[in-house]
Amino acid sequence: MDLWWLPVGAGGHVVVHTSRWWELIVARREHRRPEPLFHAALEVFVDSRRYVIEMTPAWGQPRADRGVAVTGPVGLRPLGRLRAFRYEVRAWRDGILPDRASAVGPPVTIRLDAARARALRDDVSRVPALTWGRRVPEADDMWNSNSLIAWLLTRRGLAAEWFHPPDGGRAPGWAAGIAVATRPPTVPTPPGTSMTTFAPSFVLSTGAVI
């Protein structure tokens, strides 16, 4: 599995400016310097296929079958009825990662056994359709495209908090994904069953076992 860090707004004109203005406002409020913002995406290789996993606005996407598994609202939940205010979560088999050419450095390669890779791919259809841009109270961080990737890694025991974007950048939404993935279950576990926790053991491209 490859974790890609892509500059927010790469390949576009509107988002690159709005995200920069947003970061300027947040940095001033937090009394720090503005930092580059990154969007995370995954490529998962399993069963001789490649899956591109990411969360993007629903508008402006190609008409091909993109493996859309979940859709959700942007900004306010009622606005999600309109395509312009809706996002999509997808696991696109042999799909396109549009901003790959803009990635900062090579991807972080995480080596998984086939069972865990399949489980992570299948988890895409289980991500909660929270409102993009709304804060997750447990993390004081907003739900967005980075939240999806952090949520998936955390569910599979891959210690998402160890991963950071390059060049001293920030990945807003990352903490929100971890917080949602570690919420206590709301449905009681039936008697006689147990919850299985995956140990955070995996291999990075450097060959180090974590």
N, C-alpha and C. Protein backbone atom coordinates (compact mmCIF):
# COMPACT_ATOMS: atom_id res chain seq x y z
N MET A 1 0.85 -1.18 0.00
CA MET A 1 0.00 0.00 0.00
C MET A 1 0.89 1.23 0.00
N ASP A 2 0.55 2.20 -0.86
CA ASP A 2 1.30 3.46 -0.93
C ASP A 2 0.44 4.59 -0.39
N LEU A 3 1.02 5.38 0.52
CA LEU A 3 0.39 6.58 1.05
C LEU A 3 1.01 7.78 0.34
N TRP A 4 0.16 8.52 -0.39
CA TRP A 4 0.61 9.69 -1.14
C TRP A 4 0.24 10.97 -0.40
N TRP A 5 1.18 11.92 -0.38
CA TRP A 5 0.91 13.26 0.16
C TRP A 5 0.87 14.24 -1.01
N LEU A 6 -0.30 14.81 -1.25
CA LEU A 6 -0.52 15.68 -2.40
C LEU A 6 -0.83 17.10 -1.93
N PRO A 7 -0.19 18.12 -2.50
CA PRO A 7 -0.50 19.50 -2.10
C PRO A 7 -1.98 19.81 -2.33
N VAL A 8 -2.62 20.41 -1.34
CA VAL A 8 -4.03 20.76 -1.48
C VAL A 8 -4.19 21.76 -2.63
N GLY A 9 -5.12 21.45 -3.53
CA GLY A 9 -5.38 22.34 -4.66
C GLY A 9 -4.53 22.08 -5.87
N ALA A 10 -3.67 21.06 -5.82
CA ALA A 10 -2.82 20.76 -6.97
C ALA A 10 -3.68 20.49 -8.20
N GLY A 11 -3.31 21.09 -9.32
CA GLY A 11 -4.04 20.88 -10.55
C GLY A 11 -5.30 21.70 -10.67
N GLY A 12 -5.60 22.55 -9.67
CA GLY A 12 -6.80 23.37 -9.72
C GLY A 12 -6.45 24.84 -9.55
N HIS A 13 -7.46 25.69 -9.58
CA HIS A 13 -7.25 27.12 -9.46
C HIS A 13 -7.99 27.69 -8.26
N VAL A 14 -9.22 27.24 -8.02
CA VAL A 14 -10.02 27.81 -6.94
C VAL A 14 -9.54 27.29 -5.59
N VAL A 15 -9.43 25.95 -5.46
CA VAL A 15 -9.11 25.35 -4.17
C VAL A 15 -7.74 25.79 -3.67
N VAL A 16 -6.77 25.91 -4.56
CA VAL A 16 -5.43 26.29 -4.12
C VAL A 16 -5.44 27.67 -3.46
N HIS A 17 -6.31 28.57 -3.94
CA HIS A 17 -6.38 29.91 -3.36
C HIS A 17 -7.21 29.92 -2.08
N THR A 18 -8.37 29.25 -2.10
CA THR A 18 -9.22 29.25 -0.91
C THR A 18 -8.53 28.55 0.26
N SER A 19 -7.80 27.47 -0.02
CA SER A 19 -7.10 26.77 1.07
C SER A 19 -5.96 27.62 1.63
N ARG A 20 -5.30 28.38 0.76
CA ARG A 20 -4.23 29.26 1.23
C ARG A 20 -4.80 30.37 2.12
N TRP A 21 -5.92 30.94 1.72
CA TRP A 21 -6.54 31.98 2.55
C TRP A 21 -6.99 31.40 3.89
N TRP A 22 -7.57 30.20 3.84
CA TRP A 22 -8.01 29.55 5.08
C TRP A 22 -6.83 29.31 6.02
N GLU A 23 -5.71 28.84 5.48
CA GLU A 23 -4.53 28.58 6.32
C GLU A 23 -3.98 29.88 6.89
N LEU A 24 -4.01 30.97 6.14
CA LEU A 24 -3.55 32.26 6.65
C LEU A 24 -4.39 32.69 7.85
N ILE A 25 -5.70 32.51 7.75
CA ILE A 25 -6.59 32.89 8.85
C ILE A 25 -6.34 32.03 10.08
N VAL A 26 -6.24 30.71 9.87
CA VAL A 26 -6.03 29.79 11.00
C VAL A 26 -4.67 30.04 11.64
N ALA A 27 -3.64 30.24 10.83
CA ALA A 27 -2.29 30.48 11.37
C ALA A 27 -2.27 31.77 12.21
N ARG A 28 -2.95 32.80 11.76
CA ARG A 28 -2.98 34.04 12.54
C ARG A 28 -3.71 33.83 13.85
N ARG A 29 -4.79 33.08 13.80
CA ARG A 29 -5.53 32.81 15.04
C ARG A 29 -4.71 31.98 16.02
N GLU A 30 -3.88 31.07 15.51
CA GLU A 30 -3.07 30.20 16.37
C GLU A 30 -1.68 30.76 16.63
N HIS A 31 -1.42 31.98 16.15
CA HIS A 31 -0.15 32.67 16.39
C HIS A 31 1.06 31.85 15.92
N ARG A 32 0.99 31.43 14.67
CA ARG A 32 2.08 30.67 14.06
C ARG A 32 2.21 31.07 12.60
N ARG A 33 3.26 30.56 11.96
CA ARG A 33 3.43 30.81 10.54
C ARG A 33 2.55 29.89 9.71
N PRO A 34 2.05 30.36 8.57
CA PRO A 34 1.29 29.48 7.68
C PRO A 34 2.18 28.33 7.18
N GLU A 35 1.58 27.17 7.00
CA GLU A 35 2.31 25.99 6.55
C GLU A 35 1.63 25.40 5.31
N PRO A 36 2.37 24.69 4.47
CA PRO A 36 1.75 24.05 3.31
C PRO A 36 0.75 22.98 3.75
N LEU A 37 -0.35 22.89 3.02
CA LEU A 37 -1.41 21.93 3.34
C LEU A 37 -1.36 20.76 2.38
N PHE A 38 -1.65 19.56 2.91
CA PHE A 38 -1.58 18.34 2.12
C PHE A 38 -2.86 17.53 2.20
N HIS A 39 -3.13 16.83 1.12
CA HIS A 39 -4.27 15.91 1.00
C HIS A 39 -3.70 14.50 0.83
N ALA A 40 -4.19 13.55 1.60
CA ALA A 40 -3.67 12.18 1.55
C ALA A 40 -4.54 11.29 0.69
N ALA A 41 -3.91 10.34 0.01
CA ALA A 41 -4.62 9.33 -0.78
C ALA A 41 -3.84 8.02 -0.67
N LEU A 42 -4.53 6.92 -0.91
CA LEU A 42 -3.91 5.60 -0.84
C LEU A 42 -4.02 4.87 -2.17
N GLU A 43 -3.01 4.08 -2.47
CA GLU A 43 -3.08 3.06 -3.51
C GLU A 43 -2.85 1.71 -2.83
N VAL A 44 -3.83 0.85 -2.93
CA VAL A 44 -3.76 -0.46 -2.28
C VAL A 44 -3.66 -1.53 -3.37
N PHE A 45 -2.66 -2.40 -3.24
CA PHE A 45 -2.43 -3.46 -4.21
C PHE A 45 -2.81 -4.79 -3.56
N VAL A 46 -3.88 -5.41 -4.07
CA VAL A 46 -4.35 -6.65 -3.47
C VAL A 46 -5.08 -7.46 -4.54
N ASP A 47 -4.93 -8.78 -4.49
CA ASP A 47 -5.59 -9.69 -5.44
C ASP A 47 -5.29 -9.31 -6.88
N SER A 48 -4.05 -8.93 -7.13
CA SER A 48 -3.57 -8.58 -8.47
C SER A 48 -4.27 -7.35 -9.06
N ARG A 49 -4.87 -6.53 -8.20
CA ARG A 49 -5.50 -5.30 -8.65
C ARG A 49 -4.96 -4.13 -7.83
N ARG A 50 -5.12 -2.95 -8.40
CA ARG A 50 -4.71 -1.72 -7.72
C ARG A 50 -5.96 -0.87 -7.46
N TYR A 51 -6.11 -0.37 -6.23
CA TYR A 51 -7.26 0.44 -5.86
C TYR A 51 -6.78 1.82 -5.41
N VAL A 52 -7.34 2.86 -6.00
CA VAL A 52 -7.07 4.23 -5.58
C VAL A 52 -8.16 4.62 -4.58
N ILE A 53 -7.74 4.95 -3.38
CA ILE A 53 -8.69 5.27 -2.31
C ILE A 53 -8.50 6.73 -1.91
N GLU A 54 -9.55 7.51 -2.05
CA GLU A 54 -9.51 8.90 -1.61
C GLU A 54 -10.92 9.44 -1.49
N MET A 55 -11.01 10.65 -0.94
CA MET A 55 -12.28 11.34 -0.75
C MET A 55 -12.15 12.70 -1.41
N THR A 56 -13.06 13.01 -2.33
CA THR A 56 -12.99 14.24 -3.10
C THR A 56 -14.39 14.83 -3.26
N PRO A 57 -14.50 16.10 -3.66
CA PRO A 57 -15.81 16.62 -4.03
C PRO A 57 -16.44 15.78 -5.13
N ALA A 58 -17.76 15.66 -5.12
CA ALA A 58 -18.45 14.85 -6.12
C ALA A 58 -18.47 15.53 -7.49
N TRP A 59 -18.44 16.86 -7.51
CA TRP A 59 -18.49 17.56 -8.78
C TRP A 59 -17.13 17.52 -9.47
N GLY A 60 -17.16 17.61 -10.79
CA GLY A 60 -15.93 17.68 -11.57
C GLY A 60 -15.20 16.37 -11.72
N GLN A 61 -15.85 15.24 -11.42
CA GLN A 61 -15.20 13.94 -11.51
C GLN A 61 -15.53 13.28 -12.86
N PRO A 62 -14.65 12.38 -13.34
CA PRO A 62 -14.94 11.70 -14.60
C PRO A 62 -16.19 10.84 -14.50
N ARG A 63 -16.82 10.56 -15.63
CA ARG A 63 -18.07 9.81 -15.64
C ARG A 63 -17.86 8.31 -15.50
N ALA A 64 -16.64 7.86 -15.52
CA ALA A 64 -16.38 6.43 -15.42
C ALA A 64 -16.83 5.89 -14.07
N ASP A 65 -16.99 4.56 -14.00
CA ASP A 65 -17.27 3.90 -12.73
C ASP A 65 -16.05 4.08 -11.83
N ARG A 66 -16.21 4.86 -10.77
CA ARG A 66 -15.06 5.23 -9.93
C ARG A 66 -15.02 4.45 -8.62
N GLY A 67 -15.88 3.46 -8.47
CA GLY A 67 -15.87 2.69 -7.24
C GLY A 67 -16.36 3.49 -6.05
N VAL A 68 -17.34 4.39 -6.27
CA VAL A 68 -17.86 5.22 -5.18
C VAL A 68 -18.59 4.33 -4.18
N ALA A 69 -18.17 4.41 -2.91
CA ALA A 69 -18.74 3.57 -1.87
C ALA A 69 -19.62 4.35 -0.91
N VAL A 70 -19.30 5.62 -0.68
CA VAL A 70 -20.03 6.46 0.29
C VAL A 70 -20.08 7.87 -0.26
N THR A 71 -21.20 8.56 -0.03
CA THR A 71 -21.28 9.98 -0.33
C THR A 71 -21.75 10.71 0.93
N GLY A 72 -21.38 11.98 1.04
CA GLY A 72 -21.75 12.74 2.21
C GLY A 72 -21.84 14.22 1.90
N PRO A 73 -22.35 15.02 2.84
CA PRO A 73 -22.55 16.45 2.61
C PRO A 73 -21.30 17.27 2.90
N VAL A 74 -21.25 18.44 2.29
CA VAL A 74 -20.16 19.40 2.52
C VAL A 74 -20.76 20.65 3.16
N GLY A 75 -20.17 21.07 4.27
CA GLY A 75 -20.59 22.32 4.92
C GLY A 75 -21.77 22.15 5.85
N LEU A 76 -22.94 21.87 5.31
CA LEU A 76 -24.16 21.66 6.08
C LEU A 76 -24.87 20.43 5.52
N ARG A 77 -25.39 19.59 6.39
CA ARG A 77 -25.99 18.33 5.94
C ARG A 77 -27.11 18.54 4.92
N PRO A 78 -28.02 19.51 5.09
CA PRO A 78 -29.09 19.67 4.09
C PRO A 78 -28.56 19.99 2.68
N LEU A 79 -27.38 20.63 2.61
CA LEU A 79 -26.83 20.99 1.31
C LEU A 79 -26.38 19.76 0.52
N GLY A 80 -26.21 18.63 1.20
CA GLY A 80 -25.75 17.42 0.53
C GLY A 80 -26.70 16.91 -0.54
N ARG A 81 -27.92 17.46 -0.59
CA ARG A 81 -28.84 17.07 -1.67
C ARG A 81 -28.35 17.58 -3.02
N LEU A 82 -27.52 18.62 -2.99
CA LEU A 82 -27.00 19.20 -4.22
C LEU A 82 -25.61 18.64 -4.51
N ARG A 83 -25.34 18.29 -5.76
CA ARG A 83 -24.06 17.70 -6.13
C ARG A 83 -22.90 18.63 -5.80
N ALA A 84 -23.12 19.93 -5.91
CA ALA A 84 -22.06 20.90 -5.63
C ALA A 84 -21.64 20.90 -4.18
N PHE A 85 -22.47 20.34 -3.29
CA PHE A 85 -22.17 20.31 -1.87
C PHE A 85 -22.14 18.86 -1.37
N ARG A 86 -21.58 17.99 -2.19
CA ARG A 86 -21.50 16.58 -1.83
C ARG A 86 -20.10 16.06 -2.13
N TYR A 87 -19.62 15.16 -1.28
CA TYR A 87 -18.33 14.52 -1.53
C TYR A 87 -18.55 13.04 -1.77
N GLU A 88 -17.53 12.39 -2.32
CA GLU A 88 -17.59 10.95 -2.54
C GLU A 88 -16.34 10.28 -2.00
N VAL A 89 -16.54 9.11 -1.43
CA VAL A 89 -15.45 8.25 -0.95
C VAL A 89 -15.39 7.07 -1.90
N ARG A 90 -14.22 6.79 -2.43
CA ARG A 90 -14.15 5.73 -3.44
C ARG A 90 -12.93 4.83 -3.26
N ALA A 91 -13.11 3.60 -3.70
CA ALA A 91 -12.03 2.64 -3.86
C ALA A 91 -12.08 2.25 -5.33
N TRP A 92 -11.35 2.98 -6.15
CA TRP A 92 -11.45 2.92 -7.61
C TRP A 92 -10.48 1.87 -8.14
N ARG A 93 -11.01 0.76 -8.60
CA ARG A 93 -10.18 -0.34 -9.10
C ARG A 93 -9.46 0.10 -10.37
N ASP A 94 -8.12 -0.03 -10.34
CA ASP A 94 -7.28 0.39 -11.46
C ASP A 94 -7.58 1.84 -11.87
N GLY A 95 -7.86 2.66 -10.85
CA GLY A 95 -8.29 4.03 -11.11
C GLY A 95 -7.15 5.01 -11.29
N ILE A 96 -7.54 6.28 -11.35
CA ILE A 96 -6.61 7.38 -11.60
C ILE A 96 -6.42 8.18 -10.32
N LEU A 97 -5.19 8.54 -10.05
CA LEU A 97 -4.87 9.47 -8.97
C LEU A 97 -4.46 10.78 -9.65
N PRO A 98 -5.40 11.70 -9.84
CA PRO A 98 -5.17 12.83 -10.74
C PRO A 98 -3.96 13.69 -10.38
N ASP A 99 -3.68 13.88 -9.10
CA ASP A 99 -2.63 14.81 -8.69
C ASP A 99 -1.31 14.12 -8.40
N ARG A 100 -1.15 12.88 -8.83
CA ARG A 100 0.08 12.14 -8.52
C ARG A 100 1.33 12.89 -8.96
N ALA A 101 1.27 13.55 -10.12
CA ALA A 101 2.45 14.26 -10.63
C ALA A 101 2.86 15.41 -9.73
N SER A 102 1.93 15.88 -8.90
CA SER A 102 2.23 17.01 -8.00
C SER A 102 2.68 16.55 -6.62
N ALA A 103 2.74 15.23 -6.39
CA ALA A 103 3.11 14.72 -5.07
C ALA A 103 4.49 15.21 -4.66
N VAL A 104 4.63 15.49 -3.37
CA VAL A 104 5.91 15.95 -2.84
C VAL A 104 6.68 14.72 -2.39
N GLY A 105 7.65 14.30 -3.21
CA GLY A 105 8.44 13.13 -2.88
C GLY A 105 7.71 11.84 -3.21
N PRO A 106 8.39 10.71 -3.03
CA PRO A 106 7.78 9.40 -3.31
C PRO A 106 6.76 9.05 -2.23
N PRO A 107 5.89 8.08 -2.50
CA PRO A 107 4.92 7.68 -1.47
C PRO A 107 5.59 6.93 -0.34
N VAL A 108 4.90 6.87 0.78
CA VAL A 108 5.30 6.01 1.89
C VAL A 108 4.70 4.64 1.63
N THR A 109 5.54 3.64 1.47
CA THR A 109 5.06 2.28 1.18
C THR A 109 4.91 1.49 2.47
N ILE A 110 3.72 0.96 2.68
CA ILE A 110 3.40 0.17 3.87
C ILE A 110 3.09 -1.24 3.41
N ARG A 111 3.84 -2.21 3.88
CA ARG A 111 3.67 -3.58 3.42
C ARG A 111 2.72 -4.32 4.37
N LEU A 112 1.61 -4.80 3.80
CA LEU A 112 0.59 -5.49 4.56
C LEU A 112 0.40 -6.91 4.02
N ASP A 113 -0.07 -7.81 4.88
CA ASP A 113 -0.45 -9.11 4.35
C ASP A 113 -1.77 -8.95 3.60
N ALA A 114 -2.11 -9.92 2.78
CA ALA A 114 -3.26 -9.81 1.89
C ALA A 114 -4.56 -9.64 2.67
N ALA A 115 -4.70 -10.32 3.80
CA ALA A 115 -5.96 -10.25 4.56
C ALA A 115 -6.19 -8.83 5.08
N ARG A 116 -5.14 -8.20 5.59
CA ARG A 116 -5.33 -6.86 6.12
C ARG A 116 -5.54 -5.85 4.99
N ALA A 117 -4.88 -6.07 3.86
CA ALA A 117 -5.08 -5.18 2.71
C ALA A 117 -6.53 -5.26 2.22
N ARG A 118 -7.07 -6.48 2.15
CA ARG A 118 -8.47 -6.62 1.72
C ARG A 118 -9.41 -5.96 2.73
N ALA A 119 -9.11 -6.15 4.02
CA ALA A 119 -9.97 -5.56 5.05
C ALA A 119 -9.97 -4.05 4.96
N LEU A 120 -8.80 -3.45 4.73
CA LEU A 120 -8.72 -2.00 4.60
C LEU A 120 -9.51 -1.52 3.39
N ARG A 121 -9.35 -2.21 2.26
CA ARG A 121 -10.11 -1.84 1.07
C ARG A 121 -11.61 -1.92 1.34
N ASP A 122 -12.05 -2.99 2.00
CA ASP A 122 -13.48 -3.17 2.26
C ASP A 122 -14.01 -2.16 3.27
N ASP A 123 -13.13 -1.65 4.14
CA ASP A 123 -13.56 -0.66 5.13
C ASP A 123 -14.01 0.64 4.48
N VAL A 124 -13.62 0.88 3.24
CA VAL A 124 -14.01 2.13 2.56
C VAL A 124 -15.52 2.29 2.55
N SER A 125 -16.25 1.20 2.41
CA SER A 125 -17.72 1.28 2.36
C SER A 125 -18.32 1.48 3.74
N ARG A 126 -17.50 1.44 4.80
CA ARG A 126 -18.02 1.56 6.16
C ARG A 126 -17.69 2.91 6.80
N VAL A 127 -16.99 3.77 6.09
CA VAL A 127 -16.63 5.06 6.68
C VAL A 127 -17.89 5.88 6.95
N PRO A 128 -18.01 6.53 8.11
CA PRO A 128 -19.21 7.31 8.39
C PRO A 128 -19.30 8.53 7.48
N ALA A 129 -20.49 8.84 7.02
CA ALA A 129 -20.70 9.97 6.10
C ALA A 129 -20.91 11.25 6.90
N LEU A 130 -19.89 11.65 7.64
CA LEU A 130 -19.98 12.89 8.42
C LEU A 130 -19.89 14.09 7.49
N THR A 131 -20.25 15.25 8.00
CA THR A 131 -20.26 16.46 7.17
C THR A 131 -18.85 17.01 7.02
N TRP A 132 -18.41 17.15 5.77
CA TRP A 132 -17.09 17.72 5.47
C TRP A 132 -17.05 19.15 5.99
N GLY A 133 -16.02 19.45 6.79
CA GLY A 133 -15.86 20.79 7.31
C GLY A 133 -16.39 20.99 8.72
N ARG A 134 -17.16 20.03 9.24
CA ARG A 134 -17.66 20.13 10.61
C ARG A 134 -16.66 19.54 11.58
N ARG A 135 -16.56 20.11 12.75
CA ARG A 135 -15.56 19.68 13.73
C ARG A 135 -15.98 18.40 14.44
N VAL A 136 -14.98 17.56 14.70
CA VAL A 136 -15.15 16.36 15.52
C VAL A 136 -14.76 16.75 16.94
N PRO A 137 -15.69 16.75 17.89
CA PRO A 137 -15.40 17.28 19.23
C PRO A 137 -14.20 16.64 19.92
N GLU A 138 -14.04 15.32 19.74
CA GLU A 138 -12.96 14.63 20.47
C GLU A 138 -11.57 15.11 20.05
N ALA A 139 -11.46 15.68 18.84
CA ALA A 139 -10.14 16.06 18.33
C ALA A 139 -10.02 17.56 18.09
N ASP A 140 -11.12 18.31 18.21
CA ASP A 140 -11.14 19.72 17.83
C ASP A 140 -10.53 19.90 16.45
N ASP A 141 -10.95 19.05 15.54
CA ASP A 141 -10.42 19.02 14.18
C ASP A 141 -11.59 18.72 13.26
N MET A 142 -11.53 19.18 12.01
CA MET A 142 -12.66 19.02 11.11
C MET A 142 -12.56 17.74 10.30
N TRP A 143 -13.72 17.22 9.94
CA TRP A 143 -13.81 16.03 9.08
C TRP A 143 -13.60 16.44 7.63
N ASN A 144 -12.66 15.77 6.95
CA ASN A 144 -12.42 16.06 5.53
C ASN A 144 -11.74 14.87 4.87
N SER A 145 -11.12 15.10 3.72
CA SER A 145 -10.53 13.99 2.95
C SER A 145 -9.41 13.30 3.71
N ASN A 146 -8.64 14.03 4.50
CA ASN A 146 -7.58 13.40 5.27
C ASN A 146 -8.14 12.51 6.37
N SER A 147 -9.33 12.85 6.86
CA SER A 147 -9.95 12.05 7.91
C SER A 147 -10.20 10.63 7.43
N LEU A 148 -10.62 10.48 6.17
CA LEU A 148 -10.84 9.14 5.62
C LEU A 148 -9.60 8.28 5.74
N ILE A 149 -8.46 8.79 5.30
CA ILE A 149 -7.23 7.99 5.28
C ILE A 149 -6.79 7.65 6.70
N ALA A 150 -6.83 8.64 7.60
CA ALA A 150 -6.46 8.37 9.00
C ALA A 150 -7.41 7.36 9.63
N TRP A 151 -8.70 7.45 9.29
CA TRP A 151 -9.70 6.52 9.82
C TRP A 151 -9.41 5.10 9.35
N LEU A 152 -9.09 4.93 8.07
CA LEU A 152 -8.80 3.60 7.54
C LEU A 152 -7.55 3.01 8.19
N LEU A 153 -6.48 3.80 8.28
CA LEU A 153 -5.25 3.29 8.88
C LEU A 153 -5.48 2.88 10.34
N THR A 154 -6.21 3.72 11.07
CA THR A 154 -6.44 3.44 12.49
C THR A 154 -7.28 2.18 12.67
N ARG A 155 -8.29 2.00 11.86
CA ARG A 155 -9.13 0.80 11.97
C ARG A 155 -8.34 -0.47 11.75
N ARG A 156 -7.29 -0.41 10.95
CA ARG A 156 -6.48 -1.58 10.67
C ARG A 156 -5.23 -1.64 11.55
N GLY A 157 -5.21 -0.85 12.64
CA GLY A 157 -4.11 -0.92 13.60
C GLY A 157 -2.81 -0.38 13.08
N LEU A 158 -2.85 0.61 12.18
CA LEU A 158 -1.63 1.10 11.53
C LEU A 158 -1.13 2.44 12.09
N ALA A 159 -1.48 2.76 13.33
CA ALA A 159 -0.91 3.90 14.05
C ALA A 159 -0.80 5.15 13.19
N ALA A 160 -1.94 5.69 12.78
CA ALA A 160 -1.97 6.83 11.88
C ALA A 160 -1.23 8.03 12.43
N GLU A 161 -1.14 8.13 13.75
CA GLU A 161 -0.47 9.30 14.34
C GLU A 161 1.03 9.33 14.05
N TRP A 162 1.59 8.23 13.55
CA TRP A 162 3.01 8.21 13.21
C TRP A 162 3.30 8.80 11.83
N PHE A 163 2.28 9.04 11.04
CA PHE A 163 2.48 9.52 9.68
C PHE A 163 2.26 11.03 9.61
N HIS A 164 3.19 11.73 8.95
CA HIS A 164 3.11 13.18 8.85
C HIS A 164 3.45 13.61 7.43
N PRO A 165 2.80 14.68 6.94
CA PRO A 165 3.12 15.17 5.60
C PRO A 165 4.53 15.73 5.53
N PRO A 166 5.11 15.83 4.34
CA PRO A 166 6.50 16.29 4.18
C PRO A 166 6.62 17.80 4.32
N ASP A 167 7.87 18.27 4.33
CA ASP A 167 8.19 19.69 4.27
C ASP A 167 7.55 20.50 5.39
N GLY A 168 7.37 19.89 6.56
CA GLY A 168 6.78 20.62 7.67
C GLY A 168 5.35 21.03 7.42
N GLY A 169 4.66 20.33 6.53
CA GLY A 169 3.29 20.68 6.18
C GLY A 169 2.28 20.15 7.18
N ARG A 170 1.03 20.51 6.93
CA ARG A 170 -0.07 20.07 7.79
C ARG A 170 -1.09 19.29 6.98
N ALA A 171 -1.78 18.39 7.66
CA ALA A 171 -2.86 17.61 7.05
C ALA A 171 -4.11 17.79 7.91
N PRO A 172 -4.82 18.93 7.75
CA PRO A 172 -6.04 19.14 8.54
C PRO A 172 -6.99 17.97 8.36
N GLY A 173 -7.66 17.58 9.43
CA GLY A 173 -8.59 16.47 9.37
C GLY A 173 -7.99 15.14 9.80
N TRP A 174 -6.67 15.05 9.87
CA TRP A 174 -6.02 13.78 10.22
C TRP A 174 -6.42 13.35 11.63
N ALA A 175 -6.33 14.27 12.58
CA ALA A 175 -6.68 13.94 13.97
C ALA A 175 -8.16 13.58 14.10
N ALA A 176 -9.01 14.19 13.28
CA ALA A 176 -10.44 13.87 13.32
C ALA A 176 -10.68 12.42 12.92
N GLY A 177 -9.97 11.95 11.89
CA GLY A 177 -10.13 10.56 11.46
C GLY A 177 -9.71 9.57 12.53
N ILE A 178 -8.60 9.87 13.22
CA ILE A 178 -8.15 9.00 14.30
C ILE A 178 -9.18 8.97 15.42
N ALA A 179 -9.70 10.16 15.77
CA ALA A 179 -10.67 10.25 16.87
C ALA A 179 -11.94 9.47 16.58
N VAL A 180 -12.46 9.57 15.35
CA VAL A 180 -13.69 8.87 15.00
C VAL A 180 -13.45 7.35 14.98
N ALA A 181 -12.29 6.93 14.49
CA ALA A 181 -11.99 5.49 14.42
C ALA A 181 -11.82 4.87 15.80
N THR A 182 -11.45 5.68 16.80
CA THR A 182 -11.22 5.13 18.14
C THR A 182 -12.37 5.42 19.09
N ARG A 183 -13.49 5.94 18.58
CA ARG A 183 -14.66 6.12 19.43
C ARG A 183 -15.13 4.77 19.96
N PRO A 184 -15.62 4.74 21.19
CA PRO A 184 -16.18 3.48 21.69
C PRO A 184 -17.36 3.05 20.83
N PRO A 185 -17.53 1.76 20.62
CA PRO A 185 -18.68 1.30 19.81
C PRO A 185 -19.99 1.69 20.47
N THR A 186 -20.95 2.09 19.65
CA THR A 186 -22.26 2.50 20.18
C THR A 186 -23.22 1.33 20.30
N VAL A 187 -22.91 0.21 19.64
CA VAL A 187 -23.77 -0.97 19.72
C VAL A 187 -23.12 -1.99 20.66
N PRO A 188 -23.81 -2.45 21.69
CA PRO A 188 -23.22 -3.41 22.62
C PRO A 188 -22.78 -4.68 21.91
N THR A 189 -21.65 -5.21 22.35
CA THR A 189 -21.16 -6.47 21.78
C THR A 189 -22.02 -7.62 22.28
N PRO A 190 -22.54 -8.46 21.37
CA PRO A 190 -23.38 -9.59 21.81
C PRO A 190 -22.62 -10.49 22.77
N PRO A 191 -23.33 -11.11 23.72
CA PRO A 191 -22.68 -12.03 24.66
C PRO A 191 -21.95 -13.15 23.92
N GLY A 192 -20.82 -13.52 24.46
CA GLY A 192 -20.07 -14.62 23.89
C GLY A 192 -19.16 -14.24 22.75
N THR A 193 -19.11 -12.93 22.39
CA THR A 193 -18.22 -12.49 21.33
C THR A 193 -17.18 -11.56 21.91
N SER A 194 -16.13 -11.30 21.15
CA SER A 194 -15.06 -10.42 21.62
C SER A 194 -14.62 -9.53 20.47
N MET A 195 -14.08 -8.36 20.83
CA MET A 195 -13.55 -7.44 19.84
C MET A 195 -12.09 -7.77 19.60
N THR A 196 -11.67 -7.83 18.33
CA THR A 196 -10.29 -8.13 17.97
C THR A 196 -9.56 -6.85 17.63
N THR A 197 -8.42 -6.62 18.25
CA THR A 197 -7.60 -5.45 17.96
C THR A 197 -6.35 -5.89 17.22
N PHE A 198 -6.09 -5.27 16.06
CA PHE A 198 -4.90 -5.60 15.29
C PHE A 198 -3.69 -4.93 15.92
N ALA A 199 -2.61 -5.65 16.09
CA ALA A 199 -1.39 -5.05 16.59
C ALA A 199 -0.80 -4.13 15.54
N PRO A 200 -0.28 -2.94 15.95
CA PRO A 200 0.27 -1.99 14.97
C PRO A 200 1.65 -2.43 14.47
N SER A 201 1.69 -3.51 13.72
CA SER A 201 2.96 -4.01 13.20
C SER A 201 2.89 -4.01 11.68
N PHE A 202 3.78 -3.26 11.05
CA PHE A 202 3.80 -3.22 9.61
C PHE A 202 5.19 -2.77 9.17
N VAL A 203 5.46 -2.88 7.87
CA VAL A 203 6.78 -2.60 7.35
C VAL A 203 6.71 -1.42 6.39
N LEU A 204 7.54 -0.41 6.60
CA LEU A 204 7.62 0.72 5.72
C LEU A 204 8.64 0.43 4.62
N SER A 205 8.67 1.31 3.62
CA SER A 205 9.56 1.11 2.47
C SER A 205 11.03 1.13 2.87
N THR A 206 11.33 1.72 4.04
CA THR A 206 12.71 1.74 4.50
C THR A 206 13.19 0.38 4.97
N GLY A 207 12.21 -0.54 5.18
CA GLY A 207 12.56 -1.86 5.68
C GLY A 207 12.45 -1.95 7.18
N ALA A 208 12.16 -0.83 7.86
CA ALA A 208 12.02 -0.85 9.31
C ALA A 208 10.69 -1.46 9.69
N VAL A 209 10.71 -2.34 10.68
CA VAL A 209 9.48 -2.95 11.18
C VAL A 209 8.97 -2.11 12.33
N ILE A 210 7.70 -1.69 12.24
CA ILE A 210 7.12 -0.83 13.27
C ILE A 210 5.97 -1.58 13.93
